[in-house]
Amino acid sequence: MRAVRSDKELSPEVREQLLTKLSARFEKNMHRHPGLSWDKIQKRLDENPDKLWSLNEMERTGGEPDVISHDKKTGQYLFVDCCPETPKGRTSICYDREGLESRKEHKPKHNAIDLATEMGVEILTEAQYRELQKVGNFDMKTSSWIKTPEDIRSLGGALFCDRRFGHVFVYHNGAQSYYGVRGFRAALFV
């Protein structure tokens, strides 16, 4: 599903395929968004077509995006990667560019912060990660980088989360670390 024009606009065929997938996933997983209506989300997507490109990137990299909340004040819906484990197309990456550049050898190809920016999304905050875990059990075998506070990052650290033993855990690592089972989950407000 990479049929994208240079201005990040999806072709009509890819747009339709994506909307069909998103709608089907939404309807299949109503426990993630009780009381919400796909028609209202579809309207919001129609009003913000630039967000479809980012949702397609989430889908293309294995994220299986779905809505997990709605902000009544702003009218925005929060799409988050709802794949069971961290998206396979976004693993084996350092936290950010500084972490990547600090590696002397065995550098991975990318980092979470820059990749998220390229995709037009954000990595999850700790609060968003915990909100996601309320609608299902995610990262039971993998882990996901989360937005790290500047005071931790300035000392070389970065945070990640996972779910083990029925609990969500927040851990730390050097920002230059990377593992085959660690990536990031994306958040996109529409």
N, C-alpha and C. Protein backbone atom coordinates (compact mmCIF):
# COMPACT_ATOMS: atom_id res chain seq x y z
N MET A 1 0.82 -1.19 0.00
CA MET A 1 0.00 0.00 0.00
C MET A 1 0.86 1.25 0.00
N ARG A 2 1.84 1.35 -0.88
CA ARG A 2 2.75 2.50 -0.89
C ARG A 2 2.47 3.43 -2.06
N ALA A 3 1.31 3.31 -2.70
CA ALA A 3 0.98 4.15 -3.85
C ALA A 3 0.66 5.56 -3.38
N VAL A 4 1.72 6.34 -3.09
CA VAL A 4 1.58 7.68 -2.54
C VAL A 4 2.16 8.68 -3.53
N ARG A 5 1.49 9.79 -3.70
CA ARG A 5 2.00 10.86 -4.55
C ARG A 5 3.04 11.64 -3.78
N SER A 6 3.84 12.42 -4.48
CA SER A 6 4.93 13.15 -3.85
C SER A 6 4.46 14.11 -2.76
N ASP A 7 3.25 14.60 -2.83
CA ASP A 7 2.74 15.53 -1.83
C ASP A 7 2.06 14.82 -0.66
N LYS A 8 2.34 13.56 -0.52
CA LYS A 8 1.80 12.73 0.57
C LYS A 8 0.30 12.57 0.48
N GLU A 9 -0.22 12.59 -0.70
CA GLU A 9 -1.64 12.34 -0.92
C GLU A 9 -1.80 10.92 -1.43
N LEU A 10 -2.71 10.19 -0.84
CA LEU A 10 -2.95 8.81 -1.26
C LEU A 10 -3.71 8.79 -2.58
N SER A 11 -3.42 7.78 -3.38
CA SER A 11 -4.21 7.59 -4.60
C SER A 11 -5.63 7.23 -4.18
N PRO A 12 -6.63 7.45 -5.02
CA PRO A 12 -8.01 7.08 -4.65
C PRO A 12 -8.16 5.61 -4.27
N GLU A 13 -7.45 4.72 -4.97
CA GLU A 13 -7.55 3.29 -4.66
C GLU A 13 -7.00 2.97 -3.28
N VAL A 14 -5.83 3.52 -2.96
CA VAL A 14 -5.21 3.26 -1.66
C VAL A 14 -6.05 3.89 -0.55
N ARG A 15 -6.57 5.08 -0.81
CA ARG A 15 -7.43 5.75 0.17
C ARG A 15 -8.63 4.88 0.50
N GLU A 16 -9.28 4.34 -0.52
CA GLU A 16 -10.46 3.51 -0.31
C GLU A 16 -10.11 2.22 0.42
N GLN A 17 -8.99 1.59 0.06
CA GLN A 17 -8.55 0.37 0.75
C GLN A 17 -8.29 0.66 2.23
N LEU A 18 -7.63 1.77 2.50
CA LEU A 18 -7.32 2.13 3.88
C LEU A 18 -8.59 2.39 4.67
N LEU A 19 -9.49 3.17 4.14
CA LEU A 19 -10.74 3.47 4.85
C LEU A 19 -11.56 2.21 5.11
N THR A 20 -11.56 1.30 4.16
CA THR A 20 -12.27 0.03 4.34
C THR A 20 -11.65 -0.77 5.50
N LYS A 21 -10.31 -0.83 5.54
CA LYS A 21 -9.63 -1.54 6.63
C LYS A 21 -9.90 -0.89 7.97
N LEU A 22 -9.78 0.45 8.03
CA LEU A 22 -9.99 1.16 9.28
C LEU A 22 -11.41 0.98 9.80
N SER A 23 -12.39 1.07 8.89
CA SER A 23 -13.79 0.91 9.26
C SER A 23 -14.06 -0.50 9.79
N ALA A 24 -13.54 -1.50 9.11
CA ALA A 24 -13.74 -2.89 9.53
C ALA A 24 -13.10 -3.14 10.90
N ARG A 25 -11.90 -2.61 11.09
CA ARG A 25 -11.20 -2.78 12.38
C ARG A 25 -11.98 -2.08 13.48
N PHE A 26 -12.47 -0.89 13.20
CA PHE A 26 -13.26 -0.12 14.17
C PHE A 26 -14.49 -0.92 14.60
N GLU A 27 -15.23 -1.44 13.63
CA GLU A 27 -16.46 -2.19 13.92
C GLU A 27 -16.18 -3.50 14.66
N LYS A 28 -15.06 -4.13 14.36
CA LYS A 28 -14.70 -5.41 14.98
C LYS A 28 -14.26 -5.22 16.44
N ASN A 29 -13.81 -4.03 16.79
CA ASN A 29 -13.21 -3.79 18.11
C ASN A 29 -13.92 -2.68 18.87
N MET A 30 -15.24 -2.76 18.95
CA MET A 30 -16.02 -1.71 19.61
C MET A 30 -15.66 -1.52 21.09
N HIS A 31 -15.08 -2.54 21.71
CA HIS A 31 -14.66 -2.42 23.11
C HIS A 31 -13.57 -1.36 23.29
N ARG A 32 -12.88 -1.01 22.22
CA ARG A 32 -11.83 0.02 22.31
C ARG A 32 -12.41 1.43 22.31
N HIS A 33 -13.62 1.59 21.84
CA HIS A 33 -14.21 2.93 21.68
C HIS A 33 -15.72 2.89 21.85
N PRO A 34 -16.21 2.45 23.00
CA PRO A 34 -17.67 2.36 23.20
C PRO A 34 -18.33 3.74 23.02
N GLY A 35 -19.47 3.72 22.37
CA GLY A 35 -20.22 4.95 22.19
C GLY A 35 -19.79 5.81 21.02
N LEU A 36 -18.72 5.44 20.33
CA LEU A 36 -18.26 6.23 19.20
C LEU A 36 -18.83 5.66 17.91
N SER A 37 -18.98 6.53 16.92
CA SER A 37 -19.57 6.16 15.65
C SER A 37 -18.56 6.32 14.51
N TRP A 38 -18.44 5.29 13.67
CA TRP A 38 -17.52 5.39 12.53
C TRP A 38 -17.91 6.53 11.60
N ASP A 39 -19.19 6.79 11.43
CA ASP A 39 -19.63 7.86 10.52
C ASP A 39 -19.03 9.20 10.92
N LYS A 40 -18.98 9.49 12.22
CA LYS A 40 -18.40 10.76 12.69
C LYS A 40 -16.89 10.78 12.47
N ILE A 41 -16.25 9.64 12.66
CA ILE A 41 -14.80 9.56 12.44
C ILE A 41 -14.51 9.72 10.95
N GLN A 42 -15.30 9.06 10.12
CA GLN A 42 -15.15 9.17 8.66
C GLN A 42 -15.28 10.64 8.23
N LYS A 43 -16.24 11.34 8.80
CA LYS A 43 -16.44 12.76 8.48
C LYS A 43 -15.20 13.57 8.86
N ARG A 44 -14.66 13.27 10.02
CA ARG A 44 -13.45 13.96 10.49
C ARG A 44 -12.27 13.66 9.55
N LEU A 45 -12.15 12.42 9.12
CA LEU A 45 -11.08 12.05 8.18
C LEU A 45 -11.27 12.76 6.84
N ASP A 46 -12.51 12.86 6.38
CA ASP A 46 -12.80 13.57 5.13
C ASP A 46 -12.40 15.04 5.23
N GLU A 47 -12.56 15.62 6.42
CA GLU A 47 -12.20 17.02 6.65
C GLU A 47 -10.68 17.21 6.82
N ASN A 48 -9.96 16.14 7.09
CA ASN A 48 -8.51 16.19 7.33
C ASN A 48 -7.79 15.14 6.48
N PRO A 49 -7.84 15.27 5.15
CA PRO A 49 -7.28 14.21 4.29
C PRO A 49 -5.78 13.99 4.47
N ASP A 50 -5.06 14.99 4.96
CA ASP A 50 -3.62 14.82 5.19
C ASP A 50 -3.34 13.75 6.25
N LYS A 51 -4.29 13.52 7.15
CA LYS A 51 -4.10 12.52 8.20
C LYS A 51 -4.16 11.10 7.63
N LEU A 52 -4.82 10.94 6.49
CA LEU A 52 -4.90 9.60 5.89
C LEU A 52 -3.53 9.08 5.48
N TRP A 53 -2.66 9.96 5.00
CA TRP A 53 -1.32 9.52 4.63
C TRP A 53 -0.60 8.95 5.85
N SER A 54 -0.70 9.66 6.98
CA SER A 54 -0.05 9.17 8.21
C SER A 54 -0.68 7.87 8.69
N LEU A 55 -2.00 7.76 8.61
CA LEU A 55 -2.65 6.49 8.99
C LEU A 55 -2.20 5.36 8.07
N ASN A 56 -2.00 5.67 6.80
CA ASN A 56 -1.52 4.65 5.87
C ASN A 56 -0.10 4.20 6.24
N GLU A 57 0.72 5.14 6.67
CA GLU A 57 2.08 4.79 7.12
C GLU A 57 2.01 3.91 8.37
N MET A 58 1.10 4.22 9.27
CA MET A 58 0.93 3.37 10.46
C MET A 58 0.53 1.96 10.03
N GLU A 59 -0.40 1.88 9.09
CA GLU A 59 -0.87 0.59 8.59
C GLU A 59 0.24 -0.15 7.86
N ARG A 60 0.94 0.55 6.98
CA ARG A 60 1.97 -0.06 6.14
C ARG A 60 3.10 -0.67 6.98
N THR A 61 3.41 -0.06 8.12
CA THR A 61 4.49 -0.55 8.97
C THR A 61 4.00 -1.56 10.02
N GLY A 62 2.74 -1.98 9.91
CA GLY A 62 2.23 -3.04 10.78
C GLY A 62 1.52 -2.59 12.03
N GLY A 63 1.14 -1.32 12.12
CA GLY A 63 0.56 -0.80 13.35
C GLY A 63 -0.89 -1.14 13.63
N GLU A 64 -1.67 -1.45 12.60
CA GLU A 64 -3.10 -1.72 12.79
C GLU A 64 -3.78 -0.60 13.59
N PRO A 65 -3.74 0.64 13.09
CA PRO A 65 -4.30 1.76 13.85
C PRO A 65 -5.81 1.65 14.06
N ASP A 66 -6.22 2.11 15.25
CA ASP A 66 -7.64 2.14 15.60
C ASP A 66 -7.84 3.30 16.58
N VAL A 67 -9.08 3.73 16.73
CA VAL A 67 -9.44 4.82 17.64
C VAL A 67 -9.55 4.26 19.05
N ILE A 68 -8.92 4.97 20.02
CA ILE A 68 -9.07 4.54 21.41
C ILE A 68 -9.69 5.62 22.29
N SER A 69 -9.82 6.87 21.77
CA SER A 69 -10.47 7.90 22.57
C SER A 69 -10.94 9.06 21.71
N HIS A 70 -11.79 9.88 22.31
CA HIS A 70 -12.35 11.06 21.65
C HIS A 70 -12.32 12.21 22.64
N ASP A 71 -11.74 13.33 22.23
CA ASP A 71 -11.69 14.53 23.06
C ASP A 71 -12.91 15.39 22.71
N LYS A 72 -13.86 15.45 23.63
CA LYS A 72 -15.10 16.18 23.35
C LYS A 72 -14.87 17.68 23.20
N LYS A 73 -13.85 18.22 23.85
CA LYS A 73 -13.58 19.66 23.75
C LYS A 73 -13.07 20.03 22.36
N THR A 74 -12.13 19.26 21.84
CA THR A 74 -11.53 19.58 20.54
C THR A 74 -12.21 18.86 19.38
N GLY A 75 -12.95 17.79 19.70
CA GLY A 75 -13.57 16.97 18.67
C GLY A 75 -12.62 15.97 18.05
N GLN A 76 -11.37 15.93 18.51
CA GLN A 76 -10.37 15.05 17.92
C GLN A 76 -10.52 13.61 18.41
N TYR A 77 -10.21 12.68 17.49
CA TYR A 77 -10.15 11.26 17.79
C TYR A 77 -8.69 10.86 17.83
N LEU A 78 -8.36 9.98 18.78
CA LEU A 78 -6.99 9.50 18.90
C LEU A 78 -6.86 8.12 18.29
N PHE A 79 -6.10 8.04 17.19
CA PHE A 79 -5.75 6.76 16.58
C PHE A 79 -4.41 6.32 17.17
N VAL A 80 -4.32 5.05 17.53
CA VAL A 80 -3.11 4.47 18.10
C VAL A 80 -2.89 3.11 17.45
N ASP A 81 -1.62 2.70 17.35
CA ASP A 81 -1.30 1.36 16.86
C ASP A 81 -1.89 0.34 17.82
N CYS A 82 -2.75 -0.53 17.32
CA CYS A 82 -3.39 -1.54 18.16
C CYS A 82 -2.97 -2.96 17.79
N CYS A 83 -1.85 -3.11 17.09
CA CYS A 83 -1.34 -4.45 16.82
C CYS A 83 -0.92 -5.08 18.14
N PRO A 84 -1.02 -6.40 18.27
CA PRO A 84 -0.71 -7.04 19.55
C PRO A 84 0.70 -6.75 20.06
N GLU A 85 1.68 -6.78 19.19
CA GLU A 85 3.06 -6.49 19.56
C GLU A 85 3.53 -5.23 18.82
N THR A 86 4.62 -4.65 19.27
CA THR A 86 5.10 -3.41 18.65
C THR A 86 5.21 -3.61 17.13
N PRO A 87 4.83 -2.62 16.33
CA PRO A 87 4.80 -2.81 14.88
C PRO A 87 6.14 -3.28 14.30
N LYS A 88 6.09 -4.38 13.54
CA LYS A 88 7.30 -5.00 13.00
C LYS A 88 8.08 -4.08 12.07
N GLY A 89 7.39 -3.19 11.39
CA GLY A 89 8.07 -2.27 10.48
C GLY A 89 8.78 -1.13 11.17
N ARG A 90 8.77 -1.14 12.52
CA ARG A 90 9.39 -0.06 13.29
C ARG A 90 10.20 -0.59 14.46
N THR A 91 10.84 -1.73 14.31
CA THR A 91 11.65 -2.29 15.40
C THR A 91 13.13 -2.13 15.09
N SER A 92 13.95 -2.50 16.05
CA SER A 92 15.42 -2.41 15.94
C SER A 92 15.87 -0.98 15.64
N ILE A 93 15.34 -0.04 16.44
CA ILE A 93 15.69 1.36 16.26
C ILE A 93 16.04 1.99 17.61
N CYS A 94 16.97 2.93 17.57
CA CYS A 94 17.32 3.71 18.76
C CYS A 94 16.18 4.68 19.07
N TYR A 95 16.29 5.37 20.19
CA TYR A 95 15.23 6.30 20.58
C TYR A 95 15.20 7.54 19.67
N ASP A 96 16.36 8.20 19.50
CA ASP A 96 16.39 9.42 18.70
C ASP A 96 17.71 9.53 17.94
N ARG A 97 17.85 10.59 17.16
CA ARG A 97 19.05 10.76 16.32
C ARG A 97 20.31 10.87 17.16
N GLU A 98 20.24 11.61 18.26
CA GLU A 98 21.41 11.74 19.12
C GLU A 98 21.86 10.37 19.63
N GLY A 99 20.91 9.54 20.03
CA GLY A 99 21.25 8.19 20.47
C GLY A 99 21.85 7.37 19.35
N LEU A 100 21.28 7.49 18.16
CA LEU A 100 21.79 6.77 16.99
C LEU A 100 23.21 7.20 16.65
N GLU A 101 23.44 8.50 16.62
CA GLU A 101 24.77 9.02 16.26
C GLU A 101 25.83 8.73 17.31
N SER A 102 25.40 8.48 18.55
CA SER A 102 26.37 8.18 19.61
C SER A 102 26.91 6.76 19.53
N ARG A 103 26.27 5.90 18.74
CA ARG A 103 26.74 4.52 18.60
C ARG A 103 28.00 4.50 17.75
N LYS A 104 28.98 3.79 18.22
CA LYS A 104 30.26 3.69 17.48
C LYS A 104 30.18 2.60 16.41
N GLU A 105 29.44 1.54 16.69
CA GLU A 105 29.33 0.42 15.74
C GLU A 105 27.95 -0.21 15.84
N HIS A 106 27.63 -1.05 14.88
CA HIS A 106 26.34 -1.76 14.83
C HIS A 106 25.16 -0.79 14.91
N LYS A 107 25.26 0.28 14.13
CA LYS A 107 24.17 1.26 14.14
C LYS A 107 22.95 0.70 13.42
N PRO A 108 21.77 0.90 14.02
CA PRO A 108 20.55 0.52 13.31
C PRO A 108 20.29 1.52 12.18
N LYS A 109 19.31 1.23 11.36
CA LYS A 109 19.03 2.09 10.21
C LYS A 109 18.29 3.36 10.57
N HIS A 110 17.61 3.39 11.72
CA HIS A 110 16.76 4.54 12.01
C HIS A 110 16.59 4.75 13.51
N ASN A 111 15.79 5.75 13.86
CA ASN A 111 15.45 6.01 15.25
C ASN A 111 13.97 6.37 15.34
N ALA A 112 13.41 6.18 16.52
CA ALA A 112 11.96 6.33 16.72
C ALA A 112 11.46 7.75 16.48
N ILE A 113 12.14 8.74 17.02
CA ILE A 113 11.66 10.12 16.92
C ILE A 113 11.64 10.60 15.48
N ASP A 114 12.73 10.38 14.74
CA ASP A 114 12.77 10.84 13.35
C ASP A 114 11.79 10.06 12.47
N LEU A 115 11.66 8.76 12.71
CA LEU A 115 10.74 7.96 11.92
C LEU A 115 9.29 8.41 12.17
N ALA A 116 8.96 8.70 13.42
CA ALA A 116 7.62 9.19 13.74
C ALA A 116 7.36 10.52 13.02
N THR A 117 8.35 11.40 13.03
CA THR A 117 8.21 12.69 12.35
C THR A 117 7.99 12.49 10.85
N GLU A 118 8.76 11.60 10.25
CA GLU A 118 8.60 11.30 8.82
C GLU A 118 7.20 10.78 8.51
N MET A 119 6.64 10.03 9.44
CA MET A 119 5.31 9.45 9.26
C MET A 119 4.18 10.44 9.57
N GLY A 120 4.53 11.57 10.18
CA GLY A 120 3.53 12.56 10.56
C GLY A 120 2.76 12.19 11.82
N VAL A 121 3.40 11.43 12.71
CA VAL A 121 2.78 10.97 13.95
C VAL A 121 3.68 11.31 15.13
N GLU A 122 3.22 11.00 16.32
CA GLU A 122 4.01 11.14 17.54
C GLU A 122 4.20 9.76 18.14
N ILE A 123 5.25 9.58 18.93
CA ILE A 123 5.32 8.34 19.70
C ILE A 123 4.45 8.55 20.94
N LEU A 124 3.95 7.47 21.49
CA LEU A 124 3.04 7.58 22.62
C LEU A 124 3.71 8.16 23.86
N THR A 125 2.94 8.93 24.60
CA THR A 125 3.37 9.34 25.93
C THR A 125 3.09 8.17 26.88
N GLU A 126 3.59 8.26 28.10
CA GLU A 126 3.29 7.21 29.07
C GLU A 126 1.79 7.14 29.33
N ALA A 127 1.13 8.29 29.44
CA ALA A 127 -0.32 8.31 29.68
C ALA A 127 -1.08 7.65 28.53
N GLN A 128 -0.69 7.95 27.29
CA GLN A 128 -1.36 7.33 26.13
C GLN A 128 -1.10 5.82 26.11
N TYR A 129 0.11 5.41 26.46
CA TYR A 129 0.42 3.99 26.49
C TYR A 129 -0.46 3.28 27.52
N ARG A 130 -0.61 3.88 28.68
CA ARG A 130 -1.46 3.28 29.72
C ARG A 130 -2.93 3.27 29.29
N GLU A 131 -3.36 4.31 28.58
CA GLU A 131 -4.73 4.35 28.06
C GLU A 131 -4.94 3.22 27.06
N LEU A 132 -3.97 3.00 26.19
CA LEU A 132 -4.05 1.90 25.23
C LEU A 132 -4.19 0.56 25.96
N GLN A 133 -3.44 0.36 27.00
CA GLN A 133 -3.45 -0.92 27.71
C GLN A 133 -4.78 -1.17 28.42
N LYS A 134 -5.60 -0.14 28.58
CA LYS A 134 -6.93 -0.33 29.18
C LYS A 134 -7.91 -1.00 28.22
N VAL A 135 -7.62 -0.95 26.91
CA VAL A 135 -8.54 -1.53 25.92
C VAL A 135 -8.05 -2.87 25.37
N GLY A 136 -6.95 -3.37 25.91
CA GLY A 136 -6.43 -4.65 25.46
C GLY A 136 -5.09 -4.94 26.10
N ASN A 137 -4.51 -6.07 25.75
CA ASN A 137 -3.19 -6.46 26.25
C ASN A 137 -2.20 -6.35 25.09
N PHE A 138 -1.31 -5.39 25.17
CA PHE A 138 -0.37 -5.11 24.09
C PHE A 138 1.07 -5.23 24.61
N ASP A 139 1.98 -5.55 23.70
CA ASP A 139 3.40 -5.68 24.03
C ASP A 139 3.65 -6.71 25.13
N MET A 140 3.07 -7.88 24.94
CA MET A 140 3.27 -8.97 25.90
C MET A 140 4.63 -9.66 25.68
N LYS A 141 5.20 -9.50 24.47
CA LYS A 141 6.50 -10.09 24.15
C LYS A 141 7.49 -9.05 23.64
N THR A 142 7.01 -7.85 23.36
CA THR A 142 7.84 -6.79 22.81
C THR A 142 7.79 -5.59 23.75
N SER A 143 8.44 -4.51 23.36
CA SER A 143 8.38 -3.26 24.13
C SER A 143 8.37 -2.09 23.17
N SER A 144 7.92 -0.94 23.66
CA SER A 144 7.79 0.24 22.81
C SER A 144 8.39 1.46 23.50
N TRP A 145 9.24 2.19 22.74
CA TRP A 145 9.75 3.46 23.23
C TRP A 145 8.55 4.39 23.48
N ILE A 146 8.64 5.22 24.51
CA ILE A 146 7.63 6.25 24.77
C ILE A 146 8.32 7.60 24.86
N LYS A 147 7.54 8.66 24.73
CA LYS A 147 8.08 10.02 24.80
C LYS A 147 8.77 10.19 26.15
N THR A 148 10.02 10.58 26.10
CA THR A 148 10.85 10.66 27.29
C THR A 148 10.98 12.11 27.77
N PRO A 149 10.76 12.37 29.06
CA PRO A 149 10.94 13.72 29.58
C PRO A 149 12.37 14.22 29.35
N GLU A 150 12.48 15.52 29.10
CA GLU A 150 13.78 16.11 28.77
C GLU A 150 14.82 15.91 29.86
N ASP A 151 14.43 15.92 31.14
CA ASP A 151 15.43 15.75 32.20
C ASP A 151 16.06 14.36 32.17
N ILE A 152 15.32 13.36 31.73
CA ILE A 152 15.88 12.01 31.58
C ILE A 152 16.70 11.93 30.30
N ARG A 153 16.14 12.48 29.23
CA ARG A 153 16.83 12.42 27.93
C ARG A 153 18.15 13.17 27.97
N SER A 154 18.21 14.31 28.67
CA SER A 154 19.44 15.11 28.73
C SER A 154 20.58 14.36 29.42
N LEU A 155 20.24 13.34 30.19
CA LEU A 155 21.26 12.53 30.86
C LEU A 155 21.58 11.25 30.08
N GLY A 156 21.03 11.14 28.86
CA GLY A 156 21.34 10.00 28.00
C GLY A 156 20.33 8.88 28.03
N GLY A 157 19.30 9.00 28.86
CA GLY A 157 18.33 7.93 28.99
C GLY A 157 17.12 8.11 28.10
N ALA A 158 16.36 7.04 27.97
CA ALA A 158 15.08 7.05 27.25
C ALA A 158 14.19 6.00 27.89
N LEU A 159 12.88 6.22 27.80
CA LEU A 159 11.92 5.32 28.45
C LEU A 159 11.23 4.42 27.44
N PHE A 160 10.86 3.24 27.90
CA PHE A 160 10.05 2.32 27.11
C PHE A 160 9.12 1.58 28.03
N CYS A 161 8.07 1.00 27.45
CA CYS A 161 7.05 0.28 28.22
C CYS A 161 6.78 -1.08 27.61
N ASP A 162 6.20 -1.94 28.44
CA ASP A 162 5.65 -3.20 27.96
C ASP A 162 4.64 -3.68 28.98
N ARG A 163 4.01 -4.81 28.68
CA ARG A 163 3.04 -5.41 29.60
C ARG A 163 3.53 -6.80 29.94
N ARG A 164 3.73 -7.06 31.21
CA ARG A 164 4.14 -8.37 31.69
C ARG A 164 3.40 -8.65 32.99
N PHE A 165 3.08 -9.91 33.24
CA PHE A 165 2.49 -10.33 34.50
C PHE A 165 1.23 -9.53 34.84
N GLY A 166 0.48 -9.14 33.80
CA GLY A 166 -0.76 -8.41 34.03
C GLY A 166 -0.59 -6.95 34.40
N HIS A 167 0.61 -6.41 34.25
CA HIS A 167 0.89 -5.02 34.62
C HIS A 167 1.66 -4.31 33.51
N VAL A 168 1.48 -2.99 33.45
CA VAL A 168 2.24 -2.16 32.52
C VAL A 168 3.47 -1.67 33.27
N PHE A 169 4.63 -1.87 32.66
CA PHE A 169 5.89 -1.44 33.26
C PHE A 169 6.54 -0.35 32.42
N VAL A 170 7.15 0.61 33.10
CA VAL A 170 7.95 1.64 32.46
C VAL A 170 9.39 1.39 32.87
N TYR A 171 10.27 1.34 31.88
CA TYR A 171 11.68 1.09 32.12
C TYR A 171 12.52 2.19 31.48
N HIS A 172 13.82 2.09 31.72
CA HIS A 172 14.76 3.03 31.10
C HIS A 172 15.88 2.26 30.42
N ASN A 173 16.48 2.91 29.47
CA ASN A 173 17.63 2.36 28.75
C ASN A 173 18.40 3.56 28.22
N GLY A 174 19.61 3.32 27.74
CA GLY A 174 20.30 4.39 27.03
C GLY A 174 19.57 4.63 25.71
N ALA A 175 19.50 5.87 25.29
CA ALA A 175 18.78 6.21 24.06
C ALA A 175 19.42 5.56 22.83
N GLN A 176 20.67 5.15 22.94
CA GLN A 176 21.36 4.52 21.82
C GLN A 176 21.06 3.03 21.71
N SER A 177 20.36 2.47 22.69
CA SER A 177 20.04 1.04 22.69
C SER A 177 19.02 0.71 21.61
N TYR A 178 19.11 -0.49 21.11
CA TYR A 178 18.06 -0.99 20.21
C TYR A 178 18.02 -2.50 20.29
N TYR A 179 16.82 -3.03 20.09
CA TYR A 179 16.59 -4.46 20.18
C TYR A 179 15.59 -4.85 19.10
N GLY A 180 15.67 -6.08 18.66
CA GLY A 180 14.77 -6.57 17.63
C GLY A 180 13.31 -6.59 18.05
N VAL A 181 13.05 -6.56 19.36
CA VAL A 181 11.68 -6.59 19.85
C VAL A 181 11.24 -5.23 20.40
N ARG A 182 12.02 -4.17 20.16
CA ARG A 182 11.59 -2.84 20.63
C ARG A 182 11.44 -1.91 19.44
N GLY A 183 10.32 -1.22 19.43
CA GLY A 183 10.06 -0.21 18.42
C GLY A 183 9.27 0.92 19.04
N PHE A 184 8.28 1.40 18.35
CA PHE A 184 7.41 2.42 18.95
C PHE A 184 6.01 2.30 18.39
N ARG A 185 5.07 2.75 19.19
CA ARG A 185 3.67 2.82 18.80
C ARG A 185 3.35 4.28 18.51
N ALA A 186 2.59 4.49 17.44
CA ALA A 186 2.28 5.84 17.00
C ALA A 186 0.94 6.33 17.53
N ALA A 187 0.87 7.64 17.72
CA ALA A 187 -0.37 8.32 18.10
C ALA A 187 -0.64 9.38 17.05
N LEU A 188 -1.91 9.47 16.62
CA LEU A 188 -2.31 10.46 15.64
C LEU A 188 -3.68 11.00 16.02
N PHE A 189 -3.73 12.32 16.25
CA PHE A 189 -5.02 12.97 16.51
C PHE A 189 -5.63 13.42 15.21
N VAL A 190 -6.89 13.09 15.01
CA VAL A 190 -7.63 13.48 13.79
C VAL A 190 -8.86 14.27 14.21
